[in-house]
Amino acid sequence: MKKLLKSILITANVIQLMLFFSLIAFGAYVFLNPDAVVEWLANFMVKEDPLQEADVIVVIGGEENKLRLAYGVDLLQGGYAPKIVFSSVGNEDYAYDLLAEKGIDQNRYYFEQTATTTFENAYNLIPYVADNQIQSMILVTSPVQSRRARFMFKRMFSDLTIISTFSFW
């Protein structure tokens, strides 16, 4: 029993040393190659799918709304979808002005103004998706929100095609 306990303690110490040296090596790598680490993190966080036609464009809110709104409207005018939904975008006055300026008919857009989180952006659109028999959507977010938003919308609408894209701030 004593030998077994001693063997377990030695193994635990070896594992601790390996973890310690691994952390030291990782820290050195990050220190010596910060650009590579930042690039890896950026590639992990950002998810963009090839654009294709869909039933609706969904623009979700964020701090850099005006560019995101304009990009969503550009996609609408480019024929990527017949309708656009703005979910908790915050700049509704700007959006209405932009839509009017572009001559977009009121039956082509919808505002969902109660969402405060990415989860609520998806959840609050369940009735709209059901009522309009949506089968596919283009999801417009920011780069850093793209993977999380795509994941959330795919979980909420597992049988829909979700195409993730983003606008730069």
Protein backbone atom coordinates (compact mmCIF):
# COMPACT_ATOMS: atom_id res chain seq x y z
CA MET A 1 0.00 0.00 0.00
CA LYS A 2 2.86 2.34 0.89
CA LYS A 3 4.55 1.69 -2.47
CA LEU A 4 1.31 2.38 -4.35
CA LEU A 5 0.79 5.67 -2.51
CA LYS A 6 4.41 6.68 -3.16
CA SER A 7 4.00 5.81 -6.86
CA ILE A 8 0.83 7.92 -7.09
CA LEU A 9 2.55 10.90 -5.45
CA ILE A 10 5.54 10.65 -7.80
CA THR A 11 3.20 10.47 -10.80
CA ALA A 12 1.27 13.50 -9.53
CA ASN A 13 4.50 15.45 -9.07
CA VAL A 14 5.67 14.55 -12.58
CA ILE A 15 2.32 15.70 -14.03
CA GLN A 16 2.57 18.97 -12.09
CA LEU A 17 6.10 19.55 -13.42
CA MET A 18 4.97 18.82 -16.97
CA LEU A 19 2.09 21.28 -16.62
CA PHE A 20 4.41 23.90 -15.14
CA PHE A 21 6.94 23.60 -17.97
CA SER A 22 4.14 23.54 -20.54
CA LEU A 23 2.81 26.82 -19.14
CA ILE A 24 6.31 28.31 -19.20
CA ALA A 25 6.73 27.20 -22.84
CA PHE A 26 3.31 28.58 -23.78
CA GLY A 27 4.10 31.89 -22.05
CA ALA A 28 7.39 32.12 -23.93
CA TYR A 29 5.61 31.38 -27.20
CA VAL A 30 3.01 34.08 -26.54
CA PHE A 31 5.74 36.54 -25.56
CA LEU A 32 7.86 35.78 -28.63
CA ASN A 33 4.97 35.42 -31.13
CA PRO A 34 2.12 37.70 -30.02
CA ASP A 35 0.95 38.26 -33.61
CA ALA A 36 0.48 34.53 -34.18
CA VAL A 37 -1.54 34.19 -30.98
CA VAL A 38 -3.73 37.19 -31.83
CA GLU A 39 -4.25 35.85 -35.35
CA TRP A 40 -5.25 32.43 -33.98
CA LEU A 41 -7.71 34.02 -31.54
CA ALA A 42 -9.16 36.23 -34.28
CA ASN A 43 -9.62 33.25 -36.60
CA PHE A 44 -11.28 31.33 -33.80
CA MET A 45 -13.69 34.13 -32.86
CA VAL A 46 -14.67 35.18 -36.38
CA LYS A 47 -16.98 33.01 -38.46
CA GLU A 48 -18.10 34.04 -41.92
CA ASP A 49 -19.91 31.81 -44.40
CA PRO A 50 -20.00 32.29 -48.15
CA LEU A 51 -22.94 34.55 -49.02
CA GLN A 52 -25.91 32.99 -50.76
CA GLU A 53 -29.57 33.86 -51.16
CA ALA A 54 -31.81 33.35 -48.14
CA ASP A 55 -35.39 33.97 -47.01
CA VAL A 56 -34.46 36.83 -44.69
CA ILE A 57 -31.55 38.97 -43.53
CA VAL A 58 -31.32 39.37 -39.74
CA VAL A 59 -29.27 42.29 -38.44
CA ILE A 60 -28.60 42.02 -34.72
CA GLY A 61 -27.73 44.94 -32.47
CA GLY A 62 -24.36 46.13 -31.32
CA GLU A 63 -22.28 49.21 -30.71
CA GLU A 64 -21.33 49.82 -34.33
CA ASN A 65 -24.92 49.76 -35.54
CA LYS A 66 -24.85 52.20 -38.43
CA LEU A 67 -22.35 50.24 -40.51
CA ARG A 68 -24.09 46.98 -39.67
CA LEU A 69 -27.50 48.40 -40.61
CA ALA A 70 -26.14 49.79 -43.87
CA TYR A 71 -24.50 46.45 -44.71
CA GLY A 72 -27.76 44.58 -44.07
CA VAL A 73 -29.65 47.01 -46.31
CA ASP A 74 -26.96 46.64 -48.99
CA LEU A 75 -27.46 42.86 -48.88
CA LEU A 76 -31.23 43.38 -49.20
CA GLN A 77 -30.76 45.65 -52.20
CA GLY A 78 -28.26 43.19 -53.64
CA GLY A 79 -31.01 40.59 -53.84
CA TYR A 80 -29.71 38.23 -51.17
CA ALA A 81 -33.13 38.10 -49.49
CA PRO A 82 -36.59 39.61 -50.01
CA LYS A 83 -36.93 40.77 -46.37
CA ILE A 84 -34.82 42.15 -43.55
CA VAL A 85 -35.26 41.99 -39.77
CA PHE A 86 -33.58 44.37 -37.34
CA SER A 87 -33.28 42.81 -33.90
CA SER A 88 -32.57 45.28 -31.11
CA VAL A 89 -30.37 47.49 -33.24
CA GLY A 90 -30.68 50.61 -31.12
CA ASN A 91 -30.50 53.13 -33.96
CA GLU A 92 -34.09 52.73 -35.18
CA ASP A 93 -34.35 56.35 -36.35
CA TYR A 94 -31.23 55.91 -38.48
CA ALA A 95 -32.58 52.59 -39.80
CA TYR A 96 -35.95 54.11 -40.73
CA ASP A 97 -34.22 57.02 -42.46
CA LEU A 98 -31.91 54.66 -44.32
CA LEU A 99 -34.79 52.44 -45.43
CA ALA A 100 -36.78 55.48 -46.60
CA GLU A 101 -33.76 56.92 -48.39
CA LYS A 102 -33.23 53.62 -50.23
CA GLY A 103 -36.95 53.41 -51.10
CA ILE A 104 -37.50 50.09 -49.35
CA ASP A 105 -41.17 49.25 -48.89
CA GLN A 106 -42.50 48.75 -45.34
CA ASN A 107 -43.61 45.19 -46.02
CA ARG A 108 -39.96 44.21 -46.60
CA TYR A 109 -38.68 44.98 -43.10
CA TYR A 110 -39.50 44.18 -39.50
CA PHE A 111 -38.16 45.55 -36.21
CA GLU A 112 -37.81 43.40 -33.09
CA GLN A 113 -36.85 45.95 -30.44
CA THR A 114 -36.88 44.07 -27.13
CA ALA A 115 -33.77 41.87 -27.30
CA THR A 116 -30.85 42.82 -25.07
CA THR A 117 -28.66 39.72 -25.57
CA THR A 118 -27.67 37.46 -28.45
CA PHE A 119 -29.86 34.73 -26.95
CA GLU A 120 -32.85 37.11 -26.96
CA ASN A 121 -32.04 38.17 -30.54
CA ALA A 122 -32.60 34.55 -31.57
CA TYR A 123 -35.36 33.65 -29.13
CA ASN A 124 -37.50 36.70 -29.88
CA LEU A 125 -37.48 35.86 -33.59
CA ILE A 126 -39.09 32.42 -33.14
CA PRO A 127 -42.63 33.73 -33.87
CA TYR A 128 -41.43 35.72 -36.90
CA VAL A 129 -39.60 32.71 -38.32
CA ALA A 130 -42.64 30.46 -37.79
CA ASP A 131 -45.19 32.97 -39.13
CA ASN A 132 -43.14 33.67 -42.26
CA GLN A 133 -42.06 30.06 -42.88
CA ILE A 134 -38.39 31.02 -42.91
CA GLN A 135 -36.03 28.24 -44.03
CA SER A 136 -32.79 30.23 -44.29
CA MET A 137 -31.34 33.47 -42.98
CA ILE A 138 -28.30 35.65 -43.39
CA LEU A 139 -27.14 36.73 -39.95
CA VAL A 140 -25.35 40.10 -39.89
CA THR A 141 -23.21 40.74 -36.80
CA SER A 142 -19.82 42.19 -35.92
CA PRO A 143 -16.66 40.10 -36.46
CA VAL A 144 -16.13 39.35 -32.77
CA GLN A 145 -19.79 38.43 -32.29
CA SER A 146 -20.05 36.29 -35.43
CA ARG A 147 -19.12 32.84 -34.03
CA ARG A 148 -21.19 33.25 -30.86
CA ALA A 149 -24.22 34.60 -32.71
CA ARG A 150 -24.02 31.89 -35.37
CA PHE A 151 -23.80 29.24 -32.66
CA MET A 152 -26.78 30.71 -30.79
CA PHE A 153 -28.95 30.99 -33.90
CA LYS A 154 -28.03 27.46 -35.04
CA ARG A 155 -29.05 26.14 -31.61
CA MET A 156 -32.33 28.06 -31.67
CA PHE A 157 -33.14 27.26 -35.32
CA SER A 158 -31.50 23.88 -35.86
CA ASP A 159 -33.48 23.09 -39.00
CA LEU A 160 -32.71 26.43 -40.73
CA THR A 161 -29.75 27.35 -42.88
CA ILE A 162 -27.84 30.10 -41.04
CA ILE A 163 -25.36 32.10 -43.11
CA SER A 164 -23.09 34.22 -40.93
CA THR A 165 -21.56 37.45 -42.18
CA PHE A 166 -20.43 40.67 -40.56
CA SER A 167 -19.68 44.31 -41.09
CA PHE A 168 -16.54 45.99 -39.87
CA TRP A 169 -16.85 48.85 -37.30
